[in-house]
Amino acid sequence: MTAAREEGDSTTFLRALCDVTDARVMSTLAAKAHLNRENLYRMLSEHGNPQLDSLTALLYALDLRLAVAVK
């Protein structure tokens, strides 16, 4: 996922995140993230544009965190 994000393309990052998410059971993950399963699929789609709070909730449910670093 880090490599996907470093490419600078948000679509690549969201696809990688979707692959990780699909590896886990979507409905269980949605419940853990307190997100609607259909909305979770939509936000991870090619045209998804998740809000920061939804993205943060999903990453937390995946035991991941978003970090900001100096270029």
N, C-alpha and C. Protein backbone atom coordinates (compact mmCIF):
# COMPACT_ATOMS: atom_id res chain seq x y z
N MET A 1 0.83 -1.18 0.00
CA MET A 1 0.00 0.00 0.00
C MET A 1 0.88 1.25 0.00
N THR A 2 1.99 1.18 0.70
CA THR A 2 2.90 2.33 0.72
C THR A 2 3.41 2.62 -0.68
N ALA A 3 3.79 1.59 -1.40
CA ALA A 3 4.28 1.77 -2.77
C ALA A 3 3.19 2.37 -3.65
N ALA A 4 1.96 1.90 -3.46
CA ALA A 4 0.85 2.43 -4.25
C ALA A 4 0.65 3.91 -3.95
N ARG A 5 0.76 4.30 -2.69
CA ARG A 5 0.58 5.70 -2.32
C ARG A 5 1.74 6.55 -2.81
N GLU A 6 2.94 6.00 -2.80
CA GLU A 6 4.12 6.75 -3.24
C GLU A 6 4.07 7.04 -4.74
N GLU A 7 3.31 6.24 -5.48
CA GLU A 7 3.15 6.51 -6.91
C GLU A 7 2.42 7.83 -7.14
N GLY A 8 1.73 8.30 -6.10
CA GLY A 8 1.05 9.58 -6.19
C GLY A 8 -0.32 9.53 -6.83
N ASP A 9 -0.76 8.36 -7.19
CA ASP A 9 -2.05 8.20 -7.84
C ASP A 9 -3.06 7.66 -6.82
N SER A 10 -4.05 8.46 -6.50
CA SER A 10 -5.02 8.04 -5.49
C SER A 10 -5.82 6.81 -5.94
N THR A 11 -6.04 6.66 -7.23
CA THR A 11 -6.77 5.49 -7.73
C THR A 11 -6.01 4.21 -7.44
N THR A 12 -4.69 4.22 -7.64
CA THR A 12 -3.86 3.06 -7.35
C THR A 12 -3.90 2.73 -5.87
N PHE A 13 -3.83 3.76 -5.04
CA PHE A 13 -3.89 3.56 -3.59
C PHE A 13 -5.23 2.96 -3.18
N LEU A 14 -6.33 3.50 -3.72
CA LEU A 14 -7.66 2.99 -3.37
C LEU A 14 -7.85 1.55 -3.85
N ARG A 15 -7.30 1.22 -5.00
CA ARG A 15 -7.37 -0.18 -5.48
C ARG A 15 -6.61 -1.11 -4.54
N ALA A 16 -5.41 -0.69 -4.12
CA ALA A 16 -4.62 -1.51 -3.19
C ALA A 16 -5.37 -1.66 -1.86
N LEU A 17 -5.97 -0.59 -1.39
CA LEU A 17 -6.74 -0.63 -0.15
C LEU A 17 -7.95 -1.55 -0.32
N CYS A 18 -8.57 -1.50 -1.47
CA CYS A 18 -9.71 -2.38 -1.76
C CYS A 18 -9.28 -3.84 -1.76
N ASP A 19 -8.12 -4.14 -2.32
CA ASP A 19 -7.60 -5.52 -2.33
C ASP A 19 -7.39 -6.02 -0.91
N VAL A 20 -6.82 -5.18 -0.05
CA VAL A 20 -6.61 -5.56 1.35
C VAL A 20 -7.96 -5.78 2.02
N THR A 21 -8.89 -4.88 1.73
CA THR A 21 -10.22 -4.96 2.33
C THR A 21 -10.96 -6.20 1.87
N ASP A 22 -10.88 -6.52 0.57
CA ASP A 22 -11.56 -7.71 0.06
C ASP A 22 -11.00 -8.98 0.69
N ALA A 23 -9.73 -8.95 1.10
CA ALA A 23 -9.12 -10.11 1.73
C ALA A 23 -9.79 -10.39 3.08
N ARG A 24 -10.33 -9.40 3.66
CA ARG A 24 -11.08 -9.55 4.91
C ARG A 24 -12.57 -9.56 4.55
N VAL A 25 -13.37 -10.05 5.39
CA VAL A 25 -14.80 -10.11 5.10
C VAL A 25 -15.39 -8.70 5.18
N MET A 26 -15.97 -8.25 4.06
CA MET A 26 -16.45 -6.87 3.96
C MET A 26 -17.48 -6.52 5.02
N SER A 27 -18.42 -7.39 5.25
CA SER A 27 -19.47 -7.05 6.22
C SER A 27 -18.91 -6.94 7.63
N THR A 28 -17.99 -7.81 7.99
CA THR A 28 -17.36 -7.75 9.31
C THR A 28 -16.54 -6.47 9.44
N LEU A 29 -15.83 -6.15 8.39
CA LEU A 29 -15.01 -4.95 8.39
C LEU A 29 -15.88 -3.70 8.48
N ALA A 30 -16.95 -3.67 7.73
CA ALA A 30 -17.85 -2.53 7.78
C ALA A 30 -18.40 -2.33 9.19
N ALA A 31 -18.76 -3.42 9.84
CA ALA A 31 -19.28 -3.33 11.21
C ALA A 31 -18.20 -2.81 12.16
N LYS A 32 -16.99 -3.32 12.02
CA LYS A 32 -15.89 -2.88 12.89
C LYS A 32 -15.56 -1.40 12.68
N ALA A 33 -15.70 -0.93 11.43
CA ALA A 33 -15.40 0.47 11.11
C ALA A 33 -16.61 1.38 11.34
N HIS A 34 -17.74 0.79 11.70
CA HIS A 34 -18.99 1.54 11.89
C HIS A 34 -19.38 2.26 10.60
N LEU A 35 -19.23 1.54 9.49
CA LEU A 35 -19.60 2.05 8.17
C LEU A 35 -20.61 1.11 7.55
N ASN A 36 -21.46 1.63 6.69
CA ASN A 36 -22.41 0.83 5.93
C ASN A 36 -21.64 0.04 4.87
N ARG A 37 -21.93 -1.25 4.73
CA ARG A 37 -21.20 -2.10 3.79
C ARG A 37 -21.28 -1.57 2.36
N GLU A 38 -22.46 -1.15 1.93
CA GLU A 38 -22.61 -0.62 0.57
C GLU A 38 -21.78 0.65 0.38
N ASN A 39 -21.77 1.52 1.40
CA ASN A 39 -20.96 2.73 1.33
C ASN A 39 -19.47 2.40 1.30
N LEU A 40 -19.09 1.36 2.01
CA LEU A 40 -17.70 0.93 2.01
C LEU A 40 -17.28 0.48 0.61
N TYR A 41 -18.11 -0.32 -0.03
CA TYR A 41 -17.82 -0.72 -1.41
C TYR A 41 -17.73 0.51 -2.33
N ARG A 42 -18.66 1.44 -2.15
CA ARG A 42 -18.69 2.63 -3.00
C ARG A 42 -17.44 3.48 -2.79
N MET A 43 -17.03 3.67 -1.55
CA MET A 43 -15.87 4.53 -1.29
C MET A 43 -14.58 3.90 -1.79
N LEU A 44 -14.55 2.58 -1.92
CA LEU A 44 -13.35 1.89 -2.41
C LEU A 44 -13.40 1.62 -3.91
N SER A 45 -14.47 2.06 -4.56
CA SER A 45 -14.58 1.84 -6.00
C SER A 45 -13.61 2.76 -6.74
N GLU A 46 -13.49 2.53 -8.03
CA GLU A 46 -12.58 3.33 -8.86
C GLU A 46 -12.91 4.82 -8.79
N HIS A 47 -14.18 5.14 -8.63
CA HIS A 47 -14.59 6.54 -8.58
C HIS A 47 -14.85 7.00 -7.15
N GLY A 48 -14.46 6.19 -6.18
CA GLY A 48 -14.67 6.53 -4.78
C GLY A 48 -13.86 7.76 -4.38
N ASN A 49 -14.41 8.51 -3.46
CA ASN A 49 -13.74 9.71 -2.96
C ASN A 49 -14.08 9.80 -1.47
N PRO A 50 -13.46 8.93 -0.66
CA PRO A 50 -13.85 8.85 0.75
C PRO A 50 -13.49 10.11 1.52
N GLN A 51 -14.33 10.44 2.48
CA GLN A 51 -14.03 11.53 3.39
C GLN A 51 -12.97 11.03 4.37
N LEU A 52 -12.21 11.94 4.93
CA LEU A 52 -11.12 11.57 5.81
C LEU A 52 -11.60 10.76 7.00
N ASP A 53 -12.74 11.10 7.57
CA ASP A 53 -13.22 10.35 8.74
C ASP A 53 -13.59 8.92 8.37
N SER A 54 -14.15 8.72 7.18
CA SER A 54 -14.47 7.35 6.73
C SER A 54 -13.20 6.57 6.44
N LEU A 55 -12.23 7.20 5.81
CA LEU A 55 -10.95 6.56 5.52
C LEU A 55 -10.23 6.19 6.82
N THR A 56 -10.25 7.09 7.77
CA THR A 56 -9.61 6.84 9.07
C THR A 56 -10.29 5.68 9.78
N ALA A 57 -11.61 5.63 9.74
CA ALA A 57 -12.35 4.53 10.37
C ALA A 57 -12.00 3.20 9.72
N LEU A 58 -11.91 3.18 8.40
CA LEU A 58 -11.56 1.95 7.69
C LEU A 58 -10.15 1.51 8.03
N LEU A 59 -9.20 2.43 8.00
CA LEU A 59 -7.82 2.08 8.33
C LEU A 59 -7.71 1.56 9.76
N TYR A 60 -8.42 2.17 10.70
CA TYR A 60 -8.42 1.73 12.09
C TYR A 60 -8.95 0.30 12.19
N ALA A 61 -10.01 0.01 11.46
CA ALA A 61 -10.59 -1.34 11.47
C ALA A 61 -9.63 -2.36 10.87
N LEU A 62 -8.76 -1.93 9.97
CA LEU A 62 -7.76 -2.81 9.36
C LEU A 62 -6.47 -2.86 10.16
N ASP A 63 -6.47 -2.21 11.33
CA ASP A 63 -5.28 -2.11 12.17
C ASP A 63 -4.14 -1.40 11.44
N LEU A 64 -4.50 -0.38 10.66
CA LEU A 64 -3.55 0.43 9.94
C LEU A 64 -3.72 1.89 10.37
N ARG A 65 -2.76 2.70 10.02
CA ARG A 65 -2.89 4.12 10.30
C ARG A 65 -2.28 4.90 9.13
N LEU A 66 -2.77 6.10 8.97
CA LEU A 66 -2.30 6.99 7.93
C LEU A 66 -1.24 7.88 8.56
N ALA A 67 -0.10 7.99 7.90
CA ALA A 67 0.99 8.82 8.42
C ALA A 67 1.37 9.88 7.40
N VAL A 68 1.78 11.01 7.89
CA VAL A 68 2.24 12.09 7.04
C VAL A 68 3.74 12.27 7.32
N ALA A 69 4.51 12.37 6.25
CA ALA A 69 5.95 12.51 6.40
C ALA A 69 6.45 13.63 5.49
N VAL A 70 7.58 14.17 5.83
CA VAL A 70 8.21 15.20 5.03
C VAL A 70 8.68 14.59 3.72
N LYS A 71 8.53 15.32 2.63
CA LYS A 71 8.96 14.83 1.32
C LYS A 71 10.46 14.62 1.30
